[in-house]
Amino acid sequence: MDKNTFDISKNIATFLKQKRKELNLTQEQLAEKSGIEYKHIQNLESLKRINDPKLSTLYKLSKALDIDIEDIIKIIFKS
């Protein structure tokens, strides 16, 4: 695994957990709200699954977290 992929996954985990908690959502509630499987959200937050996310996943998360997808992309791809 290259460093960029790990950094992106780490940024996603940090952002997702922080934003979810700001909105007082459990992982299960975010899963239901986003249409993403609970296990997938759990893996993203815990870094159990290190890979680049699909754009469709980021889009679903942006809608569920009420944030523009462009803002999510800027946050997770920061260097």
PDB file of N, CA and C in Angstrom:
ATOM      1  N   MET A   1       0.857  -1.172   0.000  1.00  0.00           N
ATOM      2  CA  MET A   1       0.000   0.000   0.000  1.00  0.00           C
ATOM      3  C   MET A   1       0.897   1.227   0.000  1.00  0.00           C
ATOM      4  N   ASP A   2       0.546   2.192  -0.854  1.00  0.00           N
ATOM      5  CA  ASP A   2       1.360   3.399  -0.881  1.00  0.00           C
ATOM      6  C   ASP A   2       0.891   4.405   0.172  1.00  0.00           C
ATOM      7  N   LYS A   3       1.758   5.350   0.461  1.00  0.00           N
ATOM      8  CA  LYS A   3       1.489   6.334   1.509  1.00  0.00           C
ATOM      9  C   LYS A   3       0.265   7.184   1.188  1.00  0.00           C
ATOM     10  N   ASN A   4       0.075   7.555  -0.075  1.00  0.00           N
ATOM     11  CA  ASN A   4      -1.075   8.388  -0.447  1.00  0.00           C
ATOM     12  C   ASN A   4      -2.397   7.693  -0.143  1.00  0.00           C
ATOM     13  N   THR A   5      -2.490   6.419  -0.451  1.00  0.00           N
ATOM     14  CA  THR A   5      -3.720   5.672  -0.184  1.00  0.00           C
ATOM     15  C   THR A   5      -3.988   5.615   1.309  1.00  0.00           C
ATOM     16  N   PHE A   6      -2.943   5.375   2.110  1.00  0.00           N
ATOM     17  CA  PHE A   6      -3.121   5.345   3.553  1.00  0.00           C
ATOM     18  C   PHE A   6      -3.543   6.710   4.082  1.00  0.00           C
ATOM     19  N   ASP A   7      -2.906   7.775   3.596  1.00  0.00           N
ATOM     20  CA  ASP A   7      -3.251   9.132   4.045  1.00  0.00           C
ATOM     21  C   ASP A   7      -4.696   9.482   3.723  1.00  0.00           C
ATOM     22  N   ILE A   8      -5.153   9.122   2.544  1.00  0.00           N
ATOM     23  CA  ILE A   8      -6.540   9.385   2.146  1.00  0.00           C
ATOM     24  C   ILE A   8      -7.489   8.616   3.063  1.00  0.00           C
ATOM     25  N   SER A   9      -7.191   7.344   3.292  1.00  0.00           N
ATOM     26  CA  SER A   9      -8.045   6.527   4.167  1.00  0.00           C
ATOM     27  C   SER A   9      -8.061   7.079   5.588  1.00  0.00           C
ATOM     28  N   LYS A  10      -6.927   7.537   6.063  1.00  0.00           N
ATOM     29  CA  LYS A  10      -6.851   8.120   7.410  1.00  0.00           C
ATOM     30  C   LYS A  10      -7.674   9.405   7.491  1.00  0.00           C
ATOM     31  N   ASN A  11      -7.588  10.239   6.452  1.00  0.00           N
ATOM     32  CA  ASN A  11      -8.378  11.479   6.414  1.00  0.00           C
ATOM     33  C   ASN A  11      -9.874  11.184   6.379  1.00  0.00           C
ATOM     34  N   ILE A  12     -10.258  10.164   5.629  1.00  0.00           N
ATOM     35  CA  ILE A  12     -11.668   9.774   5.568  1.00  0.00           C
ATOM     36  C   ILE A  12     -12.133   9.322   6.946  1.00  0.00           C
ATOM     37  N   ALA A  13     -11.348   8.468   7.586  1.00  0.00           N
ATOM     38  CA  ALA A  13     -11.720   7.946   8.905  1.00  0.00           C
ATOM     39  C   ALA A  13     -11.906   9.078   9.903  1.00  0.00           C
ATOM     40  N   THR A  14     -10.956   9.993   9.935  1.00  0.00           N
ATOM     41  CA  THR A  14     -11.015  11.117  10.871  1.00  0.00           C
ATOM     42  C   THR A  14     -12.214  12.003  10.587  1.00  0.00           C
ATOM     43  N   PHE A  15     -12.395  12.384   9.327  1.00  0.00           N
ATOM     44  CA  PHE A  15     -13.503  13.255   8.946  1.00  0.00           C
ATOM     45  C   PHE A  15     -14.846  12.599   9.243  1.00  0.00           C
ATOM     46  N   LEU A  16     -14.997  11.361   8.823  1.00  0.00           N
ATOM     47  CA  LEU A  16     -16.277  10.679   8.948  1.00  0.00           C
ATOM     48  C   LEU A  16     -16.691  10.545  10.411  1.00  0.00           C
ATOM     49  N   LYS A  17     -15.779  10.120  11.235  1.00  0.00           N
ATOM     50  CA  LYS A  17     -16.077   9.946  12.653  1.00  0.00           C
ATOM     51  C   LYS A  17     -16.418  11.280  13.314  1.00  0.00           C
ATOM     52  N   GLN A  18     -15.625  12.309  12.998  1.00  0.00           N
ATOM     53  CA  GLN A  18     -15.841  13.637  13.592  1.00  0.00           C
ATOM     54  C   GLN A  18     -17.188  14.219  13.166  1.00  0.00           C
ATOM     55  N   LYS A  19     -17.480  14.185  11.888  1.00  0.00           N
ATOM     56  CA  LYS A  19     -18.723  14.765  11.373  1.00  0.00           C
ATOM     57  C   LYS A  19     -19.936  13.986  11.876  1.00  0.00           C
ATOM     58  N   ARG A  20     -19.829  12.669  11.904  1.00  0.00           N
ATOM     59  CA  ARG A  20     -20.919  11.838  12.392  1.00  0.00           C
ATOM     60  C   ARG A  20     -21.241  12.164  13.849  1.00  0.00           C
ATOM     61  N   LYS A  21     -20.197  12.333  14.650  1.00  0.00           N
ATOM     62  CA  LYS A  21     -20.397  12.649  16.066  1.00  0.00           C
ATOM     63  C   LYS A  21     -20.961  14.057  16.251  1.00  0.00           C
ATOM     64  N   GLU A  22     -20.532  15.007  15.411  1.00  0.00           N
ATOM     65  CA  GLU A  22     -21.086  16.369  15.462  1.00  0.00           C
ATOM     66  C   GLU A  22     -22.597  16.348  15.255  1.00  0.00           C
ATOM     67  N   LEU A  23     -23.048  15.433  14.405  1.00  0.00           N
ATOM     68  CA  LEU A  23     -24.471  15.324  14.092  1.00  0.00           C
ATOM     69  C   LEU A  23     -25.198  14.359  15.027  1.00  0.00           C
ATOM     70  N   ASN A  24     -24.488  13.865  16.038  1.00  0.00           N
ATOM     71  CA  ASN A  24     -25.057  12.926  17.009  1.00  0.00           C
ATOM     72  C   ASN A  24     -25.663  11.690  16.345  1.00  0.00           C
ATOM     73  N   LEU A  25     -24.926  11.147  15.382  1.00  0.00           N
ATOM     74  CA  LEU A  25     -25.372   9.940  14.687  1.00  0.00           C
ATOM     75  C   LEU A  25     -24.499   8.759  15.089  1.00  0.00           C
ATOM     76  N   THR A  26     -25.109   7.616  15.243  1.00  0.00           N
ATOM     77  CA  THR A  26     -24.347   6.388  15.414  1.00  0.00           C
ATOM     78  C   THR A  26     -23.931   5.901  14.025  1.00  0.00           C
ATOM     79  N   GLN A  27     -23.027   4.941  13.995  1.00  0.00           N
ATOM     80  CA  GLN A  27     -22.662   4.354  12.706  1.00  0.00           C
ATOM     81  C   GLN A  27     -23.872   3.713  12.045  1.00  0.00           C
ATOM     82  N   GLU A  28     -24.705   3.094  12.845  1.00  0.00           N
ATOM     83  CA  GLU A  28     -25.908   2.459  12.310  1.00  0.00           C
ATOM     84  C   GLU A  28     -26.859   3.485  11.703  1.00  0.00           C
ATOM     85  N   GLN A  29     -27.026   4.625  12.375  1.00  0.00           N
ATOM     86  CA  GLN A  29     -27.905   5.678  11.859  1.00  0.00           C
ATOM     87  C   GLN A  29     -27.346   6.271  10.570  1.00  0.00           C
ATOM     88  N   LEU A  30     -26.022   6.464  10.518  1.00  0.00           N
ATOM     89  CA  LEU A  30     -25.422   6.984   9.290  1.00  0.00           C
ATOM     90  C   LEU A  30     -25.582   5.982   8.156  1.00  0.00           C
ATOM     91  N   ALA A  31     -25.445   4.727   8.461  1.00  0.00           N
ATOM     92  CA  ALA A  31     -25.628   3.689   7.444  1.00  0.00           C
ATOM     93  C   ALA A  31     -27.036   3.748   6.867  1.00  0.00           C
ATOM     94  N   GLU A  32     -28.016   3.838   7.749  1.00  0.00           N
ATOM     95  CA  GLU A  32     -29.404   3.901   7.293  1.00  0.00           C
ATOM     96  C   GLU A  32     -29.667   5.169   6.487  1.00  0.00           C
ATOM     97  N   LYS A  33     -29.155   6.276   6.964  1.00  0.00           N
ATOM     98  CA  LYS A  33     -29.387   7.562   6.312  1.00  0.00           C
ATOM     99  C   LYS A  33     -28.700   7.655   4.949  1.00  0.00           C
ATOM    100  N   SER A  34     -27.544   7.012   4.821  1.00  0.00           N
ATOM    101  CA  SER A  34     -26.758   7.114   3.591  1.00  0.00           C
ATOM    102  C   SER A  34     -27.039   5.993   2.594  1.00  0.00           C
ATOM    103  N   GLY A  35     -27.588   4.889   3.077  1.00  0.00           N
ATOM    104  CA  GLY A  35     -27.778   3.740   2.194  1.00  0.00           C
ATOM    105  C   GLY A  35     -26.500   2.939   2.007  1.00  0.00           C
ATOM    106  N   ILE A  36     -25.530   3.174   2.870  1.00  0.00           N
ATOM    107  CA  ILE A  36     -24.266   2.439   2.841  1.00  0.00           C
ATOM    108  C   ILE A  36     -24.326   1.405   3.963  1.00  0.00           C
ATOM    109  N   GLU A  37     -23.836   0.218   3.712  1.00  0.00           N
ATOM    110  CA  GLU A  37     -23.891  -0.829   4.723  1.00  0.00           C
ATOM    111  C   GLU A  37     -23.133  -0.402   5.984  1.00  0.00           C
ATOM    112  N   TYR A  38     -23.704  -0.761   7.123  1.00  0.00           N
ATOM    113  CA  TYR A  38     -23.101  -0.438   8.417  1.00  0.00           C
ATOM    114  C   TYR A  38     -21.652  -0.912   8.488  1.00  0.00           C
ATOM    115  N   LYS A  39     -21.393  -2.126   8.053  1.00  0.00           N
ATOM    116  CA  LYS A  39     -20.039  -2.704   8.110  1.00  0.00           C
ATOM    117  C   LYS A  39     -19.056  -1.871   7.294  1.00  0.00           C
ATOM    118  N   HIS A  40     -19.511  -1.315   6.187  1.00  0.00           N
ATOM    119  CA  HIS A  40     -18.637  -0.497   5.348  1.00  0.00           C
ATOM    120  C   HIS A  40     -18.266   0.800   6.083  1.00  0.00           C
ATOM    121  N   ILE A  41     -19.231   1.422   6.731  1.00  0.00           N
ATOM    122  CA  ILE A  41     -18.953   2.635   7.501  1.00  0.00           C
ATOM    123  C   ILE A  41     -18.012   2.305   8.657  1.00  0.00           C
ATOM    124  N   GLN A  42     -18.263   1.199   9.318  1.00  0.00           N
ATOM    125  CA  GLN A  42     -17.404   0.765  10.412  1.00  0.00           C
ATOM    126  C   GLN A  42     -15.963   0.552   9.917  1.00  0.00           C
ATOM    127  N   ASN A  43     -15.814  -0.072   8.776  1.00  0.00           N
ATOM    128  CA  ASN A  43     -14.483  -0.299   8.200  1.00  0.00           C
ATOM    129  C   ASN A  43     -13.798   1.004   7.810  1.00  0.00           C
ATOM    130  N   LEU A  44     -14.552   1.935   7.243  1.00  0.00           N
ATOM    131  CA  LEU A  44     -13.972   3.228   6.864  1.00  0.00           C
ATOM    132  C   LEU A  44     -13.448   3.977   8.084  1.00  0.00           C
ATOM    133  N   GLU A  45     -14.230   3.982   9.145  1.00  0.00           N
ATOM    134  CA  GLU A  45     -13.840   4.717  10.349  1.00  0.00           C
ATOM    135  C   GLU A  45     -12.697   4.055  11.106  1.00  0.00           C
ATOM    136  N   SER A  46     -12.604   2.760  11.057  1.00  0.00           N
ATOM    137  CA  SER A  46     -11.598   2.055  11.849  1.00  0.00           C
ATOM    138  C   SER A  46     -10.327   1.732  11.069  1.00  0.00           C
ATOM    139  N   LEU A  47     -10.274   2.124   9.817  1.00  0.00           N
ATOM    140  CA  LEU A  47      -9.141   1.853   8.925  1.00  0.00           C
ATOM    141  C   LEU A  47      -8.900   0.355   8.727  1.00  0.00           C
ATOM    142  N   LYS A  48      -9.958  -0.431   8.874  1.00  0.00           N
ATOM    143  CA  LYS A  48      -9.831  -1.863   8.606  1.00  0.00           C
ATOM    144  C   LYS A  48      -9.743  -2.130   7.115  1.00  0.00           C
ATOM    145  N   ARG A  49     -10.247  -1.199   6.359  1.00  0.00           N
ATOM    146  CA  ARG A  49     -10.248  -1.357   4.908  1.00  0.00           C
ATOM    147  C   ARG A  49      -9.547  -0.143   4.315  1.00  0.00           C
ATOM    148  N   ILE A  50      -8.319  -0.326   3.881  1.00  0.00           N
ATOM    149  CA  ILE A  50      -7.527   0.774   3.357  1.00  0.00           C
ATOM    150  C   ILE A  50      -7.616   0.748   1.833  1.00  0.00           C
ATOM    151  N   ASN A  51      -8.379   1.681   1.290  1.00  0.00           N
ATOM    152  CA  ASN A  51      -8.443   1.825  -0.165  1.00  0.00           C
ATOM    153  C   ASN A  51      -9.085   3.161  -0.508  1.00  0.00           C
ATOM    154  N   ASP A  52      -8.964   3.535  -1.745  1.00  0.00           N
ATOM    155  CA  ASP A  52      -9.593   4.772  -2.200  1.00  0.00           C
ATOM    156  C   ASP A  52     -11.098   4.537  -2.292  1.00  0.00           C
ATOM    157  N   PRO A  53     -11.884   5.453  -1.762  1.00  0.00           N
ATOM    158  CA  PRO A  53     -13.337   5.271  -1.791  1.00  0.00           C
ATOM    159  C   PRO A  53     -13.904   5.524  -3.184  1.00  0.00           C
ATOM    160  N   LYS A  54     -14.999   4.890  -3.457  1.00  0.00           N
ATOM    161  CA  LYS A  54     -15.705   5.161  -4.707  1.00  0.00           C
ATOM    162  C   LYS A  54     -16.361   6.530  -4.607  1.00  0.00           C
ATOM    163  N   LEU A  55     -16.463   7.204  -5.725  1.00  0.00           N
ATOM    164  CA  LEU A  55     -17.121   8.503  -5.760  1.00  0.00           C
ATOM    165  C   LEU A  55     -18.575   8.374  -5.316  1.00  0.00           C
ATOM    166  N   SER A  56     -19.219   7.276  -5.661  1.00  0.00           N
ATOM    167  CA  SER A  56     -20.615   7.082  -5.259  1.00  0.00           C
ATOM    168  C   SER A  56     -20.739   6.983  -3.739  1.00  0.00           C
ATOM    169  N   THR A  57     -19.743   6.403  -3.074  1.00  0.00           N
ATOM    170  CA  THR A  57     -19.751   6.330  -1.617  1.00  0.00           C
ATOM    171  C   THR A  57     -19.608   7.717  -1.019  1.00  0.00           C
ATOM    172  N   LEU A  58     -18.681   8.506  -1.553  1.00  0.00           N
ATOM    173  CA  LEU A  58     -18.499   9.873  -1.064  1.00  0.00           C
ATOM    174  C   LEU A  58     -19.759  10.702  -1.281  1.00  0.00           C
ATOM    175  N   TYR A  59     -20.420  10.491  -2.397  1.00  0.00           N
ATOM    176  CA  TYR A  59     -21.645  11.232  -2.686  1.00  0.00           C
ATOM    177  C   TYR A  59     -22.740  10.883  -1.674  1.00  0.00           C
ATOM    178  N   LYS A  60     -22.911   9.607  -1.402  1.00  0.00           N
ATOM    179  CA  LYS A  60     -23.925   9.186  -0.427  1.00  0.00           C
ATOM    180  C   LYS A  60     -23.616   9.747   0.961  1.00  0.00           C
ATOM    181  N   LEU A  61     -22.344   9.733   1.337  1.00  0.00           N
ATOM    182  CA  LEU A  61     -21.955  10.282   2.634  1.00  0.00           C
ATOM    183  C   LEU A  61     -22.191  11.783   2.687  1.00  0.00           C
ATOM    184  N   SER A  62     -21.892  12.477   1.590  1.00  0.00           N
ATOM    185  CA  SER A  62     -22.091  13.929   1.568  1.00  0.00           C
ATOM    186  C   SER A  62     -23.559  14.280   1.772  1.00  0.00           C
ATOM    187  N   LYS A  63     -24.447  13.542   1.153  1.00  0.00           N
ATOM    188  CA  LYS A  63     -25.879  13.787   1.311  1.00  0.00           C
ATOM    189  C   LYS A  63     -26.331  13.486   2.740  1.00  0.00           C
ATOM    190  N   ALA A  64     -25.883  12.373   3.275  1.00  0.00           N
ATOM    191  CA  ALA A  64     -26.296  11.977   4.623  1.00  0.00           C
ATOM    192  C   ALA A  64     -25.749  12.920   5.693  1.00  0.00           C
ATOM    193  N   LEU A  65     -24.561  13.482   5.444  1.00  0.00           N
ATOM    194  CA  LEU A  65     -23.931  14.382   6.415  1.00  0.00           C
ATOM    195  C   LEU A  65     -24.231  15.848   6.126  1.00  0.00           C
ATOM    196  N   ASP A  66     -25.009  16.087   5.090  1.00  0.00           N
ATOM    197  CA  ASP A  66     -25.410  17.445   4.706  1.00  0.00           C
ATOM    198  C   ASP A  66     -24.205  18.355   4.478  1.00  0.00           C
ATOM    199  N   ILE A  67     -23.299  17.878   3.629  1.00  0.00           N
ATOM    200  CA  ILE A  67     -22.108  18.637   3.275  1.00  0.00           C
ATOM    201  C   ILE A  67     -21.875  18.462   1.776  1.00  0.00           C
ATOM    202  N   ASP A  68     -21.391  19.497   1.128  1.00  0.00           N
ATOM    203  CA  ASP A  68     -21.122  19.411  -0.311  1.00  0.00           C
ATOM    204  C   ASP A  68     -20.028  18.389  -0.576  1.00  0.00           C
ATOM    205  N   ILE A  69     -20.181  17.620  -1.627  1.00  0.00           N
ATOM    206  CA  ILE A  69     -19.184  16.604  -1.954  1.00  0.00           C
ATOM    207  C   ILE A  69     -17.826  17.250  -2.223  1.00  0.00           C
ATOM    208  N   GLU A  70     -17.829  18.450  -2.782  1.00  0.00           N
ATOM    209  CA  GLU A  70     -16.567  19.145  -3.036  1.00  0.00           C
ATOM    210  C   GLU A  70     -15.807  19.395  -1.732  1.00  0.00           C
ATOM    211  N   ASP A  71     -16.542  19.722  -0.683  1.00  0.00           N
ATOM    212  CA  ASP A  71     -15.913  19.957   0.614  1.00  0.00           C
ATOM    213  C   ASP A  71     -15.335  18.661   1.186  1.00  0.00           C
ATOM    214  N   ILE A  72     -16.056  17.566   1.010  1.00  0.00           N
ATOM    215  CA  ILE A  72     -15.523  16.279   1.473  1.00  0.00           C
ATOM    216  C   ILE A  72     -14.235  15.952   0.729  1.00  0.00           C
ATOM    217  N   ILE A  73     -14.254  16.135  -0.563  1.00  0.00           N
ATOM    218  CA  ILE A  73     -13.063  15.811  -1.368  1.00  0.00           C
ATOM    219  C   ILE A  73     -11.880  16.676  -0.945  1.00  0.00           C
ATOM    220  N   LYS A  74     -12.113  17.952  -0.711  1.00  0.00           N
ATOM    221  CA  LYS A  74     -11.021  18.830  -0.253  1.00  0.00           C
ATOM    222  C   LYS A  74     -10.469  18.357   1.079  1.00  0.00           C
ATOM    223  N   ILE A  75     -11.339  17.960   1.986  1.00  0.00           N
ATOM    224  CA  ILE A  75     -10.923  17.523   3.315  1.00  0.00           C
ATOM    225  C   ILE A  75     -10.121  16.222   3.247  1.00  0.00           C
ATOM    226  N   ILE A  76     -10.617  15.255   2.527  1.00  0.00           N
ATOM    227  CA  ILE A  76      -9.948  13.955   2.552  1.00  0.00           C
ATOM    228  C   ILE A  76      -8.703  13.883   1.671  1.00  0.00           C
ATOM    229  N   PHE A  77      -8.615  14.747   0.676  1.00  0.00           N
ATOM    230  CA  PHE A  77      -7.437  14.714  -0.189  1.00  0.00           C
ATOM    231  C   PHE A  77      -6.420  15.789   0.169  1.00  0.00           C
ATOM    232  N   LYS A  78      -6.587  16.382   1.359  1.00  0.00           N
ATOM    233  CA  LYS A  78      -5.609  17.386   1.785  1.00  0.00           C
ATOM    234  C   LYS A  78      -4.270  16.705   1.994  1.00  0.00           C
ATOM    235  N   SER A  79      -3.240  17.468   1.805  1.00  0.00           N
ATOM    236  CA  SER A  79      -1.915  16.858   1.969  1.00  0.00           C
ATOM    237  C   SER A  79      -1.275  17.289   3.244  1.00  0.00           C
TER     238      SER A  79
END
